Amino acid sequence: MAKTSIPADIAALGFEEAMKELEIIVKQLEGGQVKLDQAVQHYERGTALKAHCESKLAEARTKVEKITGIGKTLGLEPASD
């Protein structure tokens, strides 16, 4: 899978902002509210927004793993009775 280049304006968005814009694009594409050229542009932007959101989620996951130690030991503990 090719890595998507994320434009600076998208990279500056927070996760929630990017998701909101992505949802709007999806609704417009699903509703057939855009012409072909605009649909292609929306699809390209949507792909970049999706990649940005995935990146933000991966960053959050890494932080949680560092905090909880899951990344080192998988956080497994023996079951207690």
N, C-alpha and C. Protein backbone atom coordinates (compact mmCIF):
# COMPACT_ATOMS: atom_id res chain seq x y z
N MET A 1 0.84 -1.18 0.00
CA MET A 1 0.00 0.00 0.00
C MET A 1 0.89 1.24 0.00
N ALA A 2 0.56 2.19 -0.88
CA ALA A 2 1.34 3.42 -0.98
C ALA A 2 1.04 4.33 0.20
N LYS A 3 2.08 4.98 0.67
CA LYS A 3 1.92 5.90 1.79
C LYS A 3 1.34 7.21 1.26
N THR A 4 0.32 7.71 1.93
CA THR A 4 -0.34 8.94 1.52
C THR A 4 0.37 10.14 2.10
N SER A 5 0.67 11.12 1.24
CA SER A 5 1.26 12.36 1.71
C SER A 5 0.15 13.22 2.31
N ILE A 6 0.37 13.71 3.50
CA ILE A 6 -0.65 14.48 4.20
C ILE A 6 -0.34 15.97 4.05
N PRO A 7 -1.25 16.71 3.39
CA PRO A 7 -1.03 18.16 3.23
C PRO A 7 -0.95 18.85 4.59
N ALA A 8 -0.25 19.97 4.62
CA ALA A 8 -0.02 20.70 5.87
C ALA A 8 -1.32 21.15 6.53
N ASP A 9 -2.32 21.55 5.73
CA ASP A 9 -3.57 21.99 6.34
C ASP A 9 -4.30 20.85 7.05
N ILE A 10 -4.15 19.64 6.54
CA ILE A 10 -4.76 18.47 7.20
C ILE A 10 -3.93 18.08 8.41
N ALA A 11 -2.61 18.10 8.28
CA ALA A 11 -1.72 17.74 9.39
C ALA A 11 -1.94 18.64 10.60
N ALA A 12 -2.40 19.86 10.36
CA ALA A 12 -2.63 20.80 11.45
C ALA A 12 -3.94 20.53 12.20
N LEU A 13 -4.80 19.68 11.63
CA LEU A 13 -6.09 19.39 12.25
C LEU A 13 -5.95 18.41 13.40
N GLY A 14 -6.80 18.56 14.39
CA GLY A 14 -6.90 17.57 15.44
C GLY A 14 -7.70 16.39 14.93
N PHE A 15 -7.70 15.29 15.67
CA PHE A 15 -8.40 14.08 15.25
C PHE A 15 -9.88 14.34 15.01
N GLU A 16 -10.53 15.00 15.96
CA GLU A 16 -11.97 15.22 15.85
C GLU A 16 -12.32 16.11 14.66
N GLU A 17 -11.51 17.13 14.42
CA GLU A 17 -11.75 18.01 13.28
C GLU A 17 -11.61 17.25 11.96
N ALA A 18 -10.58 16.43 11.87
CA ALA A 18 -10.34 15.66 10.65
C ALA A 18 -11.47 14.66 10.42
N MET A 19 -11.94 14.01 11.49
CA MET A 19 -13.04 13.06 11.36
C MET A 19 -14.32 13.75 10.90
N LYS A 20 -14.58 14.93 11.44
CA LYS A 20 -15.78 15.67 11.05
C LYS A 20 -15.74 16.02 9.56
N GLU A 21 -14.59 16.51 9.10
CA GLU A 21 -14.46 16.84 7.67
C GLU A 21 -14.59 15.59 6.81
N LEU A 22 -14.00 14.50 7.25
CA LEU A 22 -14.09 13.24 6.51
C LEU A 22 -15.55 12.77 6.41
N GLU A 23 -16.29 12.90 7.51
CA GLU A 23 -17.71 12.52 7.49
C GLU A 23 -18.50 13.36 6.49
N ILE A 24 -18.21 14.65 6.42
CA ILE A 24 -18.89 15.53 5.47
C ILE A 24 -18.59 15.09 4.03
N ILE A 25 -17.33 14.80 3.76
CA ILE A 25 -16.94 14.36 2.42
C ILE A 25 -17.65 13.07 2.05
N VAL A 26 -17.68 12.12 2.97
CA VAL A 26 -18.33 10.84 2.70
C VAL A 26 -19.81 11.04 2.40
N LYS A 27 -20.48 11.87 3.18
CA LYS A 27 -21.90 12.14 2.94
C LYS A 27 -22.12 12.76 1.57
N GLN A 28 -21.26 13.70 1.19
CA GLN A 28 -21.40 14.34 -0.12
C GLN A 28 -21.19 13.33 -1.25
N LEU A 29 -20.18 12.47 -1.09
CA LEU A 29 -19.91 11.48 -2.13
C LEU A 29 -21.03 10.44 -2.21
N GLU A 30 -21.51 10.01 -1.06
CA GLU A 30 -22.60 9.03 -1.04
C GLU A 30 -23.90 9.62 -1.59
N GLY A 31 -24.10 10.90 -1.37
CA GLY A 31 -25.32 11.55 -1.82
C GLY A 31 -25.30 11.95 -3.28
N GLY A 32 -24.17 11.78 -3.94
CA GLY A 32 -24.06 12.15 -5.34
C GLY A 32 -24.20 13.65 -5.56
N GLN A 33 -23.79 14.43 -4.58
CA GLN A 33 -23.96 15.88 -4.62
C GLN A 33 -22.84 16.60 -5.35
N VAL A 34 -21.88 15.88 -5.88
CA VAL A 34 -20.72 16.52 -6.49
C VAL A 34 -20.49 15.97 -7.90
N LYS A 35 -19.90 16.81 -8.75
CA LYS A 35 -19.54 16.40 -10.10
C LYS A 35 -18.30 15.52 -10.03
N LEU A 36 -18.01 14.85 -11.12
CA LEU A 36 -16.91 13.88 -11.16
C LEU A 36 -15.57 14.48 -10.74
N ASP A 37 -15.20 15.62 -11.30
CA ASP A 37 -13.90 16.24 -10.96
C ASP A 37 -13.82 16.56 -9.47
N GLN A 38 -14.92 17.10 -8.95
CA GLN A 38 -14.96 17.44 -7.52
C GLN A 38 -14.95 16.17 -6.68
N ALA A 39 -15.60 15.12 -7.16
CA ALA A 39 -15.62 13.85 -6.44
C ALA A 39 -14.21 13.28 -6.31
N VAL A 40 -13.43 13.40 -7.38
CA VAL A 40 -12.04 12.91 -7.35
C VAL A 40 -11.24 13.72 -6.33
N GLN A 41 -11.42 15.03 -6.32
CA GLN A 41 -10.72 15.88 -5.35
C GLN A 41 -11.14 15.52 -3.93
N HIS A 42 -12.44 15.31 -3.73
CA HIS A 42 -12.94 14.92 -2.40
C HIS A 42 -12.34 13.58 -1.97
N TYR A 43 -12.27 12.65 -2.91
CA TYR A 43 -11.72 11.33 -2.60
C TYR A 43 -10.25 11.45 -2.19
N GLU A 44 -9.49 12.26 -2.92
CA GLU A 44 -8.08 12.45 -2.58
C GLU A 44 -7.93 13.08 -1.19
N ARG A 45 -8.74 14.10 -0.91
CA ARG A 45 -8.68 14.75 0.41
C ARG A 45 -9.14 13.78 1.49
N GLY A 46 -10.18 13.03 1.20
CA GLY A 46 -10.67 12.05 2.15
C GLY A 46 -9.63 11.00 2.48
N THR A 47 -8.88 10.58 1.48
CA THR A 47 -7.80 9.61 1.69
C THR A 47 -6.73 10.19 2.62
N ALA A 48 -6.39 11.45 2.41
CA ALA A 48 -5.40 12.11 3.27
C ALA A 48 -5.95 12.29 4.69
N LEU A 49 -7.22 12.64 4.81
CA LEU A 49 -7.84 12.79 6.13
C LEU A 49 -7.84 11.45 6.87
N LYS A 50 -8.17 10.38 6.16
CA LYS A 50 -8.18 9.04 6.76
C LYS A 50 -6.78 8.66 7.26
N ALA A 51 -5.77 8.92 6.44
CA ALA A 51 -4.40 8.61 6.84
C ALA A 51 -3.99 9.43 8.07
N HIS A 52 -4.41 10.68 8.11
CA HIS A 52 -4.10 11.55 9.26
C HIS A 52 -4.76 11.01 10.52
N CYS A 53 -6.02 10.62 10.41
CA CYS A 53 -6.73 10.07 11.57
C CYS A 53 -6.08 8.78 12.06
N GLU A 54 -5.70 7.92 11.12
CA GLU A 54 -5.02 6.67 11.49
C GLU A 54 -3.70 6.97 12.20
N SER A 55 -2.99 7.97 11.72
CA SER A 55 -1.72 8.36 12.35
C SER A 55 -1.95 8.87 13.77
N LYS A 56 -2.98 9.70 13.95
CA LYS A 56 -3.30 10.22 15.29
C LYS A 56 -3.67 9.08 16.24
N LEU A 57 -4.43 8.11 15.75
CA LEU A 57 -4.81 6.97 16.57
C LEU A 57 -3.58 6.13 16.95
N ALA A 58 -2.68 5.95 16.00
CA ALA A 58 -1.45 5.19 16.28
C ALA A 58 -0.61 5.90 17.33
N GLU A 59 -0.52 7.23 17.25
CA GLU A 59 0.22 8.00 18.25
C GLU A 59 -0.40 7.82 19.63
N ALA A 60 -1.71 7.90 19.70
CA ALA A 60 -2.41 7.74 20.97
C ALA A 60 -2.19 6.33 21.53
N ARG A 61 -2.26 5.33 20.66
CA ARG A 61 -2.05 3.95 21.10
C ARG A 61 -0.65 3.77 21.66
N THR A 62 0.34 4.35 21.00
CA THR A 62 1.73 4.26 21.46
C THR A 62 1.89 4.90 22.83
N LYS A 63 1.26 6.06 23.02
CA LYS A 63 1.34 6.75 24.32
C LYS A 63 0.71 5.91 25.42
N VAL A 64 -0.44 5.32 25.14
CA VAL A 64 -1.12 4.49 26.14
C VAL A 64 -0.26 3.26 26.46
N GLU A 65 0.33 2.66 25.43
CA GLU A 65 1.19 1.50 25.66
C GLU A 65 2.39 1.86 26.52
N LYS A 66 2.95 3.04 26.31
CA LYS A 66 4.09 3.47 27.13
C LYS A 66 3.66 3.70 28.58
N ILE A 67 2.49 4.30 28.75
CA ILE A 67 1.99 4.58 30.10
C ILE A 67 1.69 3.29 30.84
N THR A 68 1.04 2.36 30.16
CA THR A 68 0.61 1.12 30.83
C THR A 68 1.66 0.03 30.80
N GLY A 69 2.70 0.19 29.98
CA GLY A 69 3.73 -0.83 29.88
C GLY A 69 3.33 -1.98 28.98
N ILE A 70 2.22 -1.85 28.29
CA ILE A 70 1.75 -2.93 27.42
C ILE A 70 2.74 -3.18 26.29
N GLY A 71 3.37 -2.16 25.81
CA GLY A 71 4.32 -2.32 24.72
C GLY A 71 5.51 -3.19 25.08
N LYS A 72 5.85 -3.25 26.37
CA LYS A 72 7.02 -4.03 26.79
C LYS A 72 6.63 -5.45 27.18
N THR A 73 5.59 -5.58 27.95
CA THR A 73 5.28 -6.90 28.53
C THR A 73 3.90 -7.42 28.15
N LEU A 74 3.18 -6.68 27.33
CA LEU A 74 1.80 -7.00 26.98
C LEU A 74 0.87 -6.90 28.19
N GLY A 75 1.36 -6.47 29.32
CA GLY A 75 0.52 -6.22 30.49
C GLY A 75 -0.18 -7.46 31.04
N LEU A 76 0.36 -8.63 30.78
CA LEU A 76 -0.31 -9.84 31.24
C LEU A 76 0.02 -10.11 32.70
N GLU A 77 -1.01 -10.44 33.46
CA GLU A 77 -0.86 -10.79 34.87
C GLU A 77 -1.56 -12.12 35.11
N PRO A 78 -1.07 -12.89 36.06
CA PRO A 78 -1.75 -14.15 36.36
C PRO A 78 -3.17 -13.89 36.87
N ALA A 79 -4.07 -14.77 36.52
CA ALA A 79 -5.45 -14.65 37.00
C ALA A 79 -5.50 -14.92 38.49
N SER A 80 -6.31 -14.17 39.20
CA SER A 80 -6.46 -14.40 40.64
C SER A 80 -7.80 -15.07 40.88
N ASP A 81 -7.83 -15.91 41.91
CA ASP A 81 -9.07 -16.63 42.23
C ASP A 81 -9.92 -15.87 43.19
